[in-house]
């Protein structure tokens, strides 16, 4: 699992999904403080602590998009795909046009073997992709979507090599 973590984080960075900051004014001062601590833990690779701090922020303010995204990031880095999916779903229920949440949701659904849901989530990511998503992230989502819909005979090996071990592939 340790080898998977850097790959998962690279995928999120490529997709434009990693949290680089906590938006000021998103929530109360207490939630912002918790969030900044969670971000610091996430950046330093302490994913368990980041998840715990993000959960505390969510308890204070369940509508904090940033708290849910940090929780999803931390859980993805730990390989906790069901928790990633739950956090991503909570995020899009608060802010439907959040591309990071759709991408993490799709990735977790693929990992969980929920291919139809993953396809729908990649489509949503592409629909909401804007300046928050990178060109590489969009290309990766398009490649994954093509595999899931059977529109690609031979997958792009660069896209496959960026996926964490065991993420659903067309041949699985």
N, C-alpha and C. Protein backbone atom coordinates (compact mmCIF):
# COMPACT_ATOMS: atom_id res chain seq x y z
N UNK A 1 0.82 -1.19 0.00
CA UNK A 1 0.00 0.00 0.00
C UNK A 1 0.86 1.25 0.00
N UNK A 2 2.00 1.24 0.63
CA UNK A 2 2.86 2.41 0.68
C UNK A 2 3.25 2.87 -0.71
N UNK A 3 3.48 1.93 -1.62
CA UNK A 3 3.86 2.29 -2.99
C UNK A 3 2.71 2.96 -3.72
N UNK A 4 1.49 2.66 -3.34
CA UNK A 4 0.31 3.23 -4.00
C UNK A 4 0.13 4.69 -3.63
N UNK A 5 0.49 5.07 -2.41
CA UNK A 5 0.20 6.42 -1.93
C UNK A 5 0.79 7.53 -2.80
N UNK A 6 2.08 7.48 -3.16
CA UNK A 6 2.59 8.55 -4.01
C UNK A 6 1.89 8.60 -5.36
N UNK A 7 1.52 7.44 -5.90
CA UNK A 7 0.82 7.40 -7.18
C UNK A 7 -0.55 8.04 -7.05
N UNK A 8 -1.27 7.73 -5.97
CA UNK A 8 -2.59 8.31 -5.76
C UNK A 8 -2.50 9.83 -5.64
N UNK A 9 -1.52 10.30 -4.91
CA UNK A 9 -1.36 11.75 -4.75
C UNK A 9 -0.97 12.41 -6.06
N UNK A 10 -0.16 11.74 -6.87
CA UNK A 10 0.21 12.26 -8.18
C UNK A 10 -1.02 12.37 -9.06
N UNK A 11 -1.88 11.37 -9.02
CA UNK A 11 -3.10 11.41 -9.81
C UNK A 11 -3.95 12.60 -9.42
N UNK A 12 -4.09 12.82 -8.13
CA UNK A 12 -4.89 13.96 -7.68
C UNK A 12 -4.28 15.28 -8.12
N UNK A 13 -2.98 15.39 -8.05
CA UNK A 13 -2.32 16.62 -8.49
C UNK A 13 -2.51 16.82 -9.99
N UNK A 14 -2.39 15.74 -10.76
CA UNK A 14 -2.57 15.82 -12.20
C UNK A 14 -4.00 16.24 -12.52
N UNK A 15 -4.95 15.73 -11.76
CA UNK A 15 -6.35 16.06 -12.01
C UNK A 15 -6.71 17.43 -11.48
N UNK A 16 -5.81 18.05 -10.75
CA UNK A 16 -6.10 19.36 -10.18
C UNK A 16 -6.95 19.22 -8.94
N UNK A 17 -6.81 18.11 -8.22
CA UNK A 17 -7.70 17.82 -7.11
C UNK A 17 -7.12 18.08 -5.74
N UNK A 18 -5.83 18.14 -5.60
CA UNK A 18 -5.30 18.28 -4.25
C UNK A 18 -5.61 19.67 -3.72
N UNK A 19 -5.81 19.72 -2.43
CA UNK A 19 -6.14 20.97 -1.76
C UNK A 19 -4.84 21.69 -1.45
N UNK A 20 -4.68 22.88 -1.97
CA UNK A 20 -3.47 23.64 -1.68
C UNK A 20 -3.74 24.70 -0.62
N UNK A 21 -5.00 25.01 -0.39
CA UNK A 21 -5.32 26.02 0.62
C UNK A 21 -6.74 25.82 1.11
N UNK A 22 -7.00 26.46 2.21
CA UNK A 22 -8.34 26.46 2.79
C UNK A 22 -8.92 27.83 2.48
N UNK A 23 -10.07 27.87 1.84
CA UNK A 23 -10.65 29.15 1.46
C UNK A 23 -11.07 29.95 2.68
N UNK A 24 -10.57 31.17 2.78
CA UNK A 24 -11.00 32.06 3.86
C UNK A 24 -12.45 32.44 3.64
N UNK A 25 -13.20 32.49 4.72
CA UNK A 25 -14.59 32.88 4.62
C UNK A 25 -15.52 31.73 4.28
N UNK A 26 -14.97 30.54 4.02
CA UNK A 26 -15.79 29.37 3.70
C UNK A 26 -16.62 28.97 4.90
N UNK A 27 -16.05 29.09 6.10
CA UNK A 27 -16.70 28.62 7.31
C UNK A 27 -16.28 29.50 8.47
N UNK A 28 -16.68 29.07 9.67
CA UNK A 28 -16.33 29.80 10.87
C UNK A 28 -14.82 29.80 11.09
N UNK A 29 -14.38 30.67 11.99
CA UNK A 29 -12.96 30.75 12.32
C UNK A 29 -12.46 29.42 12.88
N UNK A 30 -13.29 28.76 13.69
CA UNK A 30 -12.90 27.47 14.26
C UNK A 30 -12.72 26.41 13.17
N UNK A 31 -13.62 26.39 12.20
CA UNK A 31 -13.51 25.44 11.09
C UNK A 31 -12.29 25.76 10.25
N UNK A 32 -12.03 27.03 10.01
CA UNK A 32 -10.85 27.41 9.24
C UNK A 32 -9.57 26.99 9.95
N UNK A 33 -9.55 27.13 11.27
CA UNK A 33 -8.37 26.71 12.04
C UNK A 33 -8.18 25.20 11.91
N UNK A 34 -9.25 24.44 12.11
CA UNK A 34 -9.18 22.99 11.95
C UNK A 34 -8.72 22.64 10.54
N UNK A 35 -9.27 23.34 9.56
CA UNK A 35 -8.94 23.08 8.18
C UNK A 35 -7.49 23.34 7.86
N UNK A 36 -6.96 24.44 8.38
CA UNK A 36 -5.56 24.75 8.12
C UNK A 36 -4.65 23.70 8.75
N UNK A 37 -5.04 23.19 9.92
CA UNK A 37 -4.26 22.11 10.55
C UNK A 37 -4.37 20.84 9.70
N UNK A 38 -5.57 20.56 9.20
CA UNK A 38 -5.76 19.37 8.35
C UNK A 38 -4.93 19.49 7.08
N UNK A 39 -4.91 20.66 6.47
CA UNK A 39 -4.11 20.88 5.26
C UNK A 39 -2.62 20.66 5.55
N UNK A 40 -2.17 21.16 6.68
CA UNK A 40 -0.76 21.00 7.05
C UNK A 40 -0.43 19.51 7.22
N UNK A 41 -1.31 18.77 7.88
CA UNK A 41 -1.10 17.33 8.07
C UNK A 41 -1.11 16.62 6.72
N UNK A 42 -2.01 17.01 5.83
CA UNK A 42 -2.10 16.40 4.51
C UNK A 42 -0.81 16.63 3.72
N UNK A 43 -0.33 17.88 3.72
CA UNK A 43 0.90 18.21 2.99
C UNK A 43 2.12 17.48 3.54
N UNK A 44 2.12 17.23 4.85
CA UNK A 44 3.28 16.55 5.44
C UNK A 44 3.15 15.03 5.40
N UNK A 45 2.08 14.53 4.77
CA UNK A 45 1.92 13.08 4.62
C UNK A 45 1.32 12.38 5.81
N UNK A 46 0.81 13.13 6.78
CA UNK A 46 0.16 12.52 7.93
C UNK A 46 -1.34 12.41 7.63
N UNK A 47 -1.68 11.43 6.80
CA UNK A 47 -3.04 11.31 6.27
C UNK A 47 -4.07 10.97 7.33
N UNK A 48 -3.69 10.17 8.30
CA UNK A 48 -4.62 9.80 9.37
C UNK A 48 -5.01 11.03 10.19
N UNK A 49 -4.02 11.84 10.53
CA UNK A 49 -4.28 13.07 11.28
C UNK A 49 -5.09 14.05 10.43
N UNK A 50 -4.76 14.16 9.16
CA UNK A 50 -5.52 15.05 8.27
C UNK A 50 -6.98 14.64 8.21
N UNK A 51 -7.23 13.34 8.10
CA UNK A 51 -8.61 12.85 8.05
C UNK A 51 -9.33 13.15 9.36
N UNK A 52 -8.66 12.93 10.47
CA UNK A 52 -9.26 13.19 11.78
C UNK A 52 -9.62 14.68 11.93
N UNK A 53 -8.70 15.54 11.57
CA UNK A 53 -8.95 16.99 11.66
C UNK A 53 -10.06 17.43 10.71
N UNK A 54 -10.09 16.86 9.51
CA UNK A 54 -11.16 17.19 8.56
C UNK A 54 -12.51 16.74 9.11
N UNK A 55 -12.56 15.56 9.72
CA UNK A 55 -13.81 15.08 10.32
C UNK A 55 -14.28 16.02 11.43
N UNK A 56 -13.34 16.52 12.22
CA UNK A 56 -13.69 17.46 13.28
C UNK A 56 -14.27 18.75 12.68
N UNK A 57 -13.67 19.21 11.60
CA UNK A 57 -14.19 20.41 10.93
C UNK A 57 -15.59 20.16 10.39
N UNK A 58 -15.83 18.96 9.86
CA UNK A 58 -17.16 18.61 9.33
C UNK A 58 -18.19 18.55 10.45
N UNK A 59 -17.79 18.07 11.63
CA UNK A 59 -18.71 18.06 12.77
C UNK A 59 -19.14 19.47 13.14
N UNK A 60 -18.22 20.41 13.06
CA UNK A 60 -18.52 21.81 13.38
C UNK A 60 -19.38 22.42 12.28
N UNK A 61 -19.00 22.18 11.03
CA UNK A 61 -19.73 22.75 9.89
C UNK A 61 -19.86 21.71 8.78
N UNK A 62 -20.97 20.96 8.79
CA UNK A 62 -21.17 19.92 7.77
C UNK A 62 -21.24 20.45 6.33
N UNK A 63 -21.39 21.76 6.16
CA UNK A 63 -21.49 22.31 4.81
C UNK A 63 -20.14 22.80 4.27
N UNK A 64 -19.05 22.54 4.97
CA UNK A 64 -17.73 22.99 4.52
C UNK A 64 -17.21 22.09 3.39
N UNK A 65 -17.22 22.63 2.20
CA UNK A 65 -16.72 21.91 1.02
C UNK A 65 -15.25 21.54 1.22
N UNK A 66 -14.46 22.48 1.71
CA UNK A 66 -13.04 22.23 1.91
C UNK A 66 -12.80 21.07 2.87
N UNK A 67 -13.55 21.00 3.94
CA UNK A 67 -13.37 19.92 4.92
C UNK A 67 -13.65 18.56 4.27
N UNK A 68 -14.70 18.48 3.49
CA UNK A 68 -15.03 17.22 2.81
C UNK A 68 -13.96 16.84 1.79
N UNK A 69 -13.43 17.84 1.07
CA UNK A 69 -12.39 17.55 0.07
C UNK A 69 -11.08 17.10 0.72
N UNK A 70 -10.71 17.73 1.83
CA UNK A 70 -9.50 17.31 2.53
C UNK A 70 -9.69 15.89 3.06
N UNK A 71 -10.89 15.59 3.58
CA UNK A 71 -11.16 14.24 4.06
C UNK A 71 -11.04 13.24 2.91
N UNK A 72 -11.60 13.57 1.77
CA UNK A 72 -11.51 12.67 0.60
C UNK A 72 -10.05 12.48 0.18
N UNK A 73 -9.27 13.57 0.13
CA UNK A 73 -7.84 13.48 -0.22
C UNK A 73 -7.10 12.55 0.74
N UNK A 74 -7.31 12.77 2.04
CA UNK A 74 -6.61 11.98 3.06
C UNK A 74 -7.00 10.51 2.98
N UNK A 75 -8.27 10.25 2.78
CA UNK A 75 -8.73 8.86 2.69
C UNK A 75 -8.22 8.18 1.42
N UNK A 76 -8.16 8.91 0.31
CA UNK A 76 -7.63 8.34 -0.92
C UNK A 76 -6.16 7.95 -0.74
N UNK A 77 -5.41 8.80 -0.09
CA UNK A 77 -4.01 8.51 0.15
C UNK A 77 -3.82 7.28 1.03
N UNK A 78 -4.82 6.96 1.83
CA UNK A 78 -4.77 5.78 2.70
C UNK A 78 -5.40 4.55 2.07
N UNK A 79 -5.96 4.71 0.86
CA UNK A 79 -6.61 3.59 0.20
C UNK A 79 -7.98 3.25 0.77
N UNK A 80 -8.61 4.20 1.43
CA UNK A 80 -9.94 4.00 2.03
C UNK A 80 -11.00 4.49 1.04
N UNK A 81 -11.23 3.68 0.02
CA UNK A 81 -12.03 4.12 -1.12
C UNK A 81 -13.51 4.35 -0.79
N UNK A 82 -14.07 3.57 0.09
CA UNK A 82 -15.47 3.80 0.46
C UNK A 82 -15.61 5.15 1.16
N UNK A 83 -14.65 5.49 2.01
CA UNK A 83 -14.68 6.77 2.70
C UNK A 83 -14.45 7.93 1.71
N UNK A 84 -13.60 7.70 0.72
CA UNK A 84 -13.40 8.72 -0.33
C UNK A 84 -14.72 8.99 -1.02
N UNK A 85 -15.41 7.91 -1.37
CA UNK A 85 -16.67 8.04 -2.09
C UNK A 85 -17.70 8.79 -1.24
N UNK A 86 -17.80 8.45 0.03
CA UNK A 86 -18.76 9.12 0.92
C UNK A 86 -18.46 10.62 1.01
N UNK A 87 -17.18 10.96 1.20
CA UNK A 87 -16.79 12.37 1.31
C UNK A 87 -17.03 13.11 -0.01
N UNK A 88 -16.75 12.46 -1.13
CA UNK A 88 -16.97 13.10 -2.44
C UNK A 88 -18.46 13.30 -2.70
N UNK A 89 -19.27 12.33 -2.34
CA UNK A 89 -20.73 12.48 -2.51
C UNK A 89 -21.23 13.63 -1.64
N UNK A 90 -20.76 13.71 -0.41
CA UNK A 90 -21.16 14.82 0.48
C UNK A 90 -20.76 16.16 -0.14
N UNK A 91 -19.59 16.21 -0.76
CA UNK A 91 -19.12 17.46 -1.37
C UNK A 91 -20.03 17.88 -2.52
N UNK A 92 -20.36 16.96 -3.42
CA UNK A 92 -21.19 17.35 -4.56
C UNK A 92 -22.64 17.64 -4.15
N UNK A 93 -23.05 17.12 -3.01
CA UNK A 93 -24.38 17.49 -2.51
C UNK A 93 -24.39 18.94 -2.03
N UNK A 94 -23.23 19.42 -1.58
CA UNK A 94 -23.10 20.81 -1.14
C UNK A 94 -22.82 21.72 -2.33
N UNK A 95 -21.92 21.29 -3.20
CA UNK A 95 -21.49 22.11 -4.36
C UNK A 95 -21.35 21.19 -5.57
N UNK A 96 -22.40 21.10 -6.34
CA UNK A 96 -22.46 20.12 -7.43
C UNK A 96 -21.41 20.33 -8.51
N UNK A 97 -20.91 21.54 -8.68
CA UNK A 97 -19.95 21.81 -9.76
C UNK A 97 -18.49 21.70 -9.31
N UNK A 98 -18.21 20.96 -8.26
CA UNK A 98 -16.86 20.81 -7.73
C UNK A 98 -16.14 19.66 -8.46
N UNK A 99 -15.28 19.98 -9.44
CA UNK A 99 -14.65 18.92 -10.24
C UNK A 99 -13.77 17.97 -9.42
N UNK A 100 -13.08 18.48 -8.42
CA UNK A 100 -12.22 17.62 -7.61
C UNK A 100 -13.02 16.49 -6.97
N UNK A 101 -14.18 16.82 -6.46
CA UNK A 101 -15.02 15.81 -5.81
C UNK A 101 -15.49 14.77 -6.82
N UNK A 102 -15.86 15.21 -8.00
CA UNK A 102 -16.30 14.26 -9.03
C UNK A 102 -15.17 13.32 -9.44
N UNK A 103 -13.95 13.86 -9.56
CA UNK A 103 -12.82 13.03 -9.96
C UNK A 103 -12.51 12.00 -8.87
N UNK A 104 -12.45 12.44 -7.62
CA UNK A 104 -12.16 11.50 -6.54
C UNK A 104 -13.27 10.47 -6.40
N UNK A 105 -14.50 10.91 -6.61
CA UNK A 105 -15.62 9.97 -6.57
C UNK A 105 -15.46 8.90 -7.65
N UNK A 106 -15.15 9.34 -8.87
CA UNK A 106 -14.97 8.40 -9.99
C UNK A 106 -13.84 7.42 -9.70
N UNK A 107 -12.73 7.93 -9.23
CA UNK A 107 -11.58 7.08 -8.93
C UNK A 107 -11.93 6.05 -7.87
N UNK A 108 -12.61 6.48 -6.81
CA UNK A 108 -12.97 5.54 -5.74
C UNK A 108 -13.99 4.52 -6.24
N UNK A 109 -14.92 4.95 -7.08
CA UNK A 109 -15.92 4.02 -7.62
C UNK A 109 -15.27 2.97 -8.51
N UNK A 110 -14.28 3.38 -9.29
CA UNK A 110 -13.54 2.40 -10.09
C UNK A 110 -12.87 1.38 -9.19
N UNK A 111 -12.21 1.87 -8.17
CA UNK A 111 -11.50 1.00 -7.25
C UNK A 111 -12.45 0.04 -6.54
N UNK A 112 -13.68 0.49 -6.28
CA UNK A 112 -14.68 -0.33 -5.60
C UNK A 112 -15.44 -1.25 -6.57
N UNK A 113 -15.13 -1.13 -7.88
CA UNK A 113 -15.78 -1.98 -8.87
C UNK A 113 -17.14 -1.47 -9.30
N UNK A 114 -17.45 -0.22 -9.01
CA UNK A 114 -18.73 0.40 -9.38
C UNK A 114 -18.55 1.14 -10.71
N UNK A 115 -18.40 0.37 -11.77
CA UNK A 115 -17.99 0.94 -13.05
C UNK A 115 -19.03 1.88 -13.67
N UNK A 116 -20.31 1.57 -13.58
CA UNK A 116 -21.33 2.46 -14.12
C UNK A 116 -21.32 3.79 -13.39
N UNK A 117 -21.22 3.75 -12.06
CA UNK A 117 -21.17 4.98 -11.29
C UNK A 117 -19.88 5.76 -11.58
N UNK A 118 -18.77 5.04 -11.75
CA UNK A 118 -17.50 5.70 -12.09
C UNK A 118 -17.62 6.42 -13.43
N UNK A 119 -18.24 5.77 -14.40
CA UNK A 119 -18.45 6.39 -15.71
C UNK A 119 -19.24 7.69 -15.55
N UNK A 120 -20.31 7.64 -14.80
CA UNK A 120 -21.14 8.83 -14.59
C UNK A 120 -20.37 9.93 -13.86
N UNK A 121 -19.53 9.54 -12.91
CA UNK A 121 -18.75 10.52 -12.16
C UNK A 121 -17.66 11.15 -13.02
N UNK A 122 -17.00 10.36 -13.88
CA UNK A 122 -16.03 10.94 -14.82
C UNK A 122 -16.72 11.91 -15.76
N UNK A 123 -17.92 11.56 -16.23
CA UNK A 123 -18.67 12.46 -17.10
C UNK A 123 -18.98 13.77 -16.38
N UNK A 124 -19.37 13.68 -15.11
CA UNK A 124 -19.64 14.89 -14.32
C UNK A 124 -18.36 15.71 -14.14
N UNK A 125 -17.24 15.03 -13.87
CA UNK A 125 -15.96 15.75 -13.74
C UNK A 125 -15.69 16.54 -15.01
N UNK A 126 -15.84 15.90 -16.16
CA UNK A 126 -15.58 16.58 -17.42
C UNK A 126 -16.56 17.71 -17.68
N UNK A 127 -17.80 17.54 -17.26
CA UNK A 127 -18.81 18.58 -17.43
C UNK A 127 -18.47 19.81 -16.59
N UNK A 128 -17.94 19.61 -15.38
CA UNK A 128 -17.65 20.72 -14.48
C UNK A 128 -16.19 21.15 -14.49
N UNK A 129 -15.35 20.49 -15.29
CA UNK A 129 -13.93 20.86 -15.34
C UNK A 129 -13.79 22.30 -15.79
N UNK A 130 -13.07 23.05 -15.02
CA UNK A 130 -12.82 24.46 -15.34
C UNK A 130 -11.39 24.77 -14.92
N UNK A 131 -11.11 25.97 -14.52
CA UNK A 131 -9.74 26.34 -14.15
C UNK A 131 -9.23 25.56 -12.94
N UNK A 132 -10.13 24.90 -12.20
CA UNK A 132 -9.69 24.09 -11.06
C UNK A 132 -9.15 22.74 -11.49
N UNK A 133 -9.36 22.34 -12.73
CA UNK A 133 -8.88 21.05 -13.24
C UNK A 133 -7.75 21.29 -14.24
N UNK A 134 -6.77 20.41 -14.24
CA UNK A 134 -5.64 20.55 -15.16
C UNK A 134 -5.94 19.86 -16.49
N UNK A 135 -5.18 20.21 -17.50
CA UNK A 135 -5.31 19.57 -18.81
C UNK A 135 -5.01 18.08 -18.68
N UNK A 136 -3.98 17.74 -17.88
CA UNK A 136 -3.63 16.33 -17.66
C UNK A 136 -4.76 15.58 -16.97
N UNK A 137 -5.41 16.23 -16.02
CA UNK A 137 -6.53 15.60 -15.32
C UNK A 137 -7.69 15.33 -16.25
N UNK A 138 -7.96 16.29 -17.11
CA UNK A 138 -9.03 16.11 -18.10
C UNK A 138 -8.70 14.97 -19.04
N UNK A 139 -7.44 14.92 -19.52
CA UNK A 139 -7.02 13.83 -20.42
C UNK A 139 -7.12 12.48 -19.72
N UNK A 140 -6.73 12.42 -18.46
CA UNK A 140 -6.81 11.17 -17.71
C UNK A 140 -8.26 10.74 -17.55
N UNK A 141 -9.14 11.66 -17.22
CA UNK A 141 -10.56 11.33 -17.07
C UNK A 141 -11.14 10.87 -18.40
N UNK A 142 -10.77 11.53 -19.49
CA UNK A 142 -11.25 11.11 -20.81
C UNK A 142 -10.78 9.71 -21.16
N UNK A 143 -9.52 9.40 -20.82
CA UNK A 143 -8.98 8.07 -21.08
C UNK A 143 -9.71 7.01 -20.26
N UNK A 144 -9.92 7.29 -18.98
CA UNK A 144 -10.64 6.35 -18.11
C UNK A 144 -12.07 6.16 -18.59
N UNK A 145 -12.70 7.24 -18.99
CA UNK A 145 -14.07 7.17 -19.48
C UNK A 145 -14.14 6.35 -20.76
N UNK A 146 -13.18 6.53 -21.65
CA UNK A 146 -13.14 5.74 -22.88
C UNK A 146 -13.01 4.25 -22.57
N UNK A 147 -12.20 3.91 -21.59
CA UNK A 147 -12.07 2.51 -21.20
C UNK A 147 -13.38 1.97 -20.63
N UNK A 148 -14.03 2.75 -19.81
CA UNK A 148 -15.27 2.31 -19.17
C UNK A 148 -16.42 2.17 -20.15
N UNK A 149 -16.40 2.96 -21.20
CA UNK A 149 -17.49 2.89 -22.18
C UNK A 149 -17.15 1.98 -23.36
N UNK A 150 -15.93 1.46 -23.38
CA UNK A 150 -15.54 0.56 -24.46
C UNK A 150 -15.24 1.27 -25.76
N UNK A 151 -14.97 2.56 -25.70
CA UNK A 151 -14.68 3.34 -26.91
C UNK A 151 -13.20 3.40 -27.24
N UNK A 152 -12.41 2.59 -26.57
CA UNK A 152 -10.98 2.62 -26.82
C UNK A 152 -10.49 1.19 -26.85
N UNK A 153 -9.96 0.78 -28.00
CA UNK A 153 -9.48 -0.60 -28.12
C UNK A 153 -8.24 -0.83 -27.29
N UNK A 154 -7.29 0.09 -27.37
CA UNK A 154 -6.06 -0.04 -26.61
C UNK A 154 -5.92 1.17 -25.71
N UNK A 155 -5.90 0.96 -24.40
CA UNK A 155 -5.80 2.10 -23.48
C UNK A 155 -4.47 2.82 -23.61
N UNK A 156 -4.50 4.10 -23.35
CA UNK A 156 -3.29 4.91 -23.32
C UNK A 156 -2.43 4.43 -22.15
N UNK A 157 -1.25 3.86 -22.41
CA UNK A 157 -0.44 3.32 -21.31
C UNK A 157 -0.03 4.38 -20.30
N UNK A 158 0.08 5.64 -20.74
CA UNK A 158 0.42 6.70 -19.79
C UNK A 158 -0.69 6.89 -18.77
N UNK A 159 -1.95 6.79 -19.20
CA UNK A 159 -3.07 6.93 -18.27
C UNK A 159 -3.12 5.76 -17.30
N UNK A 160 -2.90 4.55 -17.82
CA UNK A 160 -2.93 3.37 -16.96
C UNK A 160 -1.80 3.43 -15.94
N UNK A 161 -0.62 3.86 -16.36
CA UNK A 161 0.51 3.86 -15.44
C UNK A 161 0.32 4.87 -14.31
N UNK A 162 -0.54 5.85 -14.48
CA UNK A 162 -0.79 6.85 -13.43
C UNK A 162 -1.80 6.38 -12.40
N UNK A 163 -2.47 5.26 -12.66
CA UNK A 163 -3.50 4.79 -11.75
C UNK A 163 -2.91 3.96 -10.63
N UNK A 164 -3.51 4.08 -9.42
CA UNK A 164 -3.06 3.22 -8.33
C UNK A 164 -3.28 1.77 -8.70
N UNK A 165 -2.45 0.92 -8.17
CA UNK A 165 -2.54 -0.51 -8.43
C UNK A 165 -3.95 -1.01 -8.13
N UNK A 166 -4.50 -1.78 -9.07
CA UNK A 166 -5.79 -2.41 -8.84
C UNK A 166 -6.98 -1.59 -9.25
N UNK A 167 -6.80 -0.33 -9.66
CA UNK A 167 -7.95 0.43 -10.11
C UNK A 167 -8.52 -0.27 -11.33
N UNK A 168 -9.84 -0.34 -11.42
CA UNK A 168 -10.50 -1.10 -12.48
C UNK A 168 -9.99 -0.76 -13.86
N UNK A 169 -9.71 -1.77 -14.62
CA UNK A 169 -9.28 -1.60 -16.00
C UNK A 169 -10.25 -2.40 -16.88
N UNK A 170 -10.30 -2.07 -18.13
CA UNK A 170 -11.24 -2.72 -19.04
C UNK A 170 -11.07 -4.23 -19.04
N UNK A 171 -9.86 -4.71 -18.84
CA UNK A 171 -9.61 -6.15 -18.87
C UNK A 171 -9.94 -6.83 -17.56
N UNK A 172 -10.21 -6.05 -16.48
CA UNK A 172 -10.54 -6.63 -15.18
C UNK A 172 -11.92 -7.26 -15.17
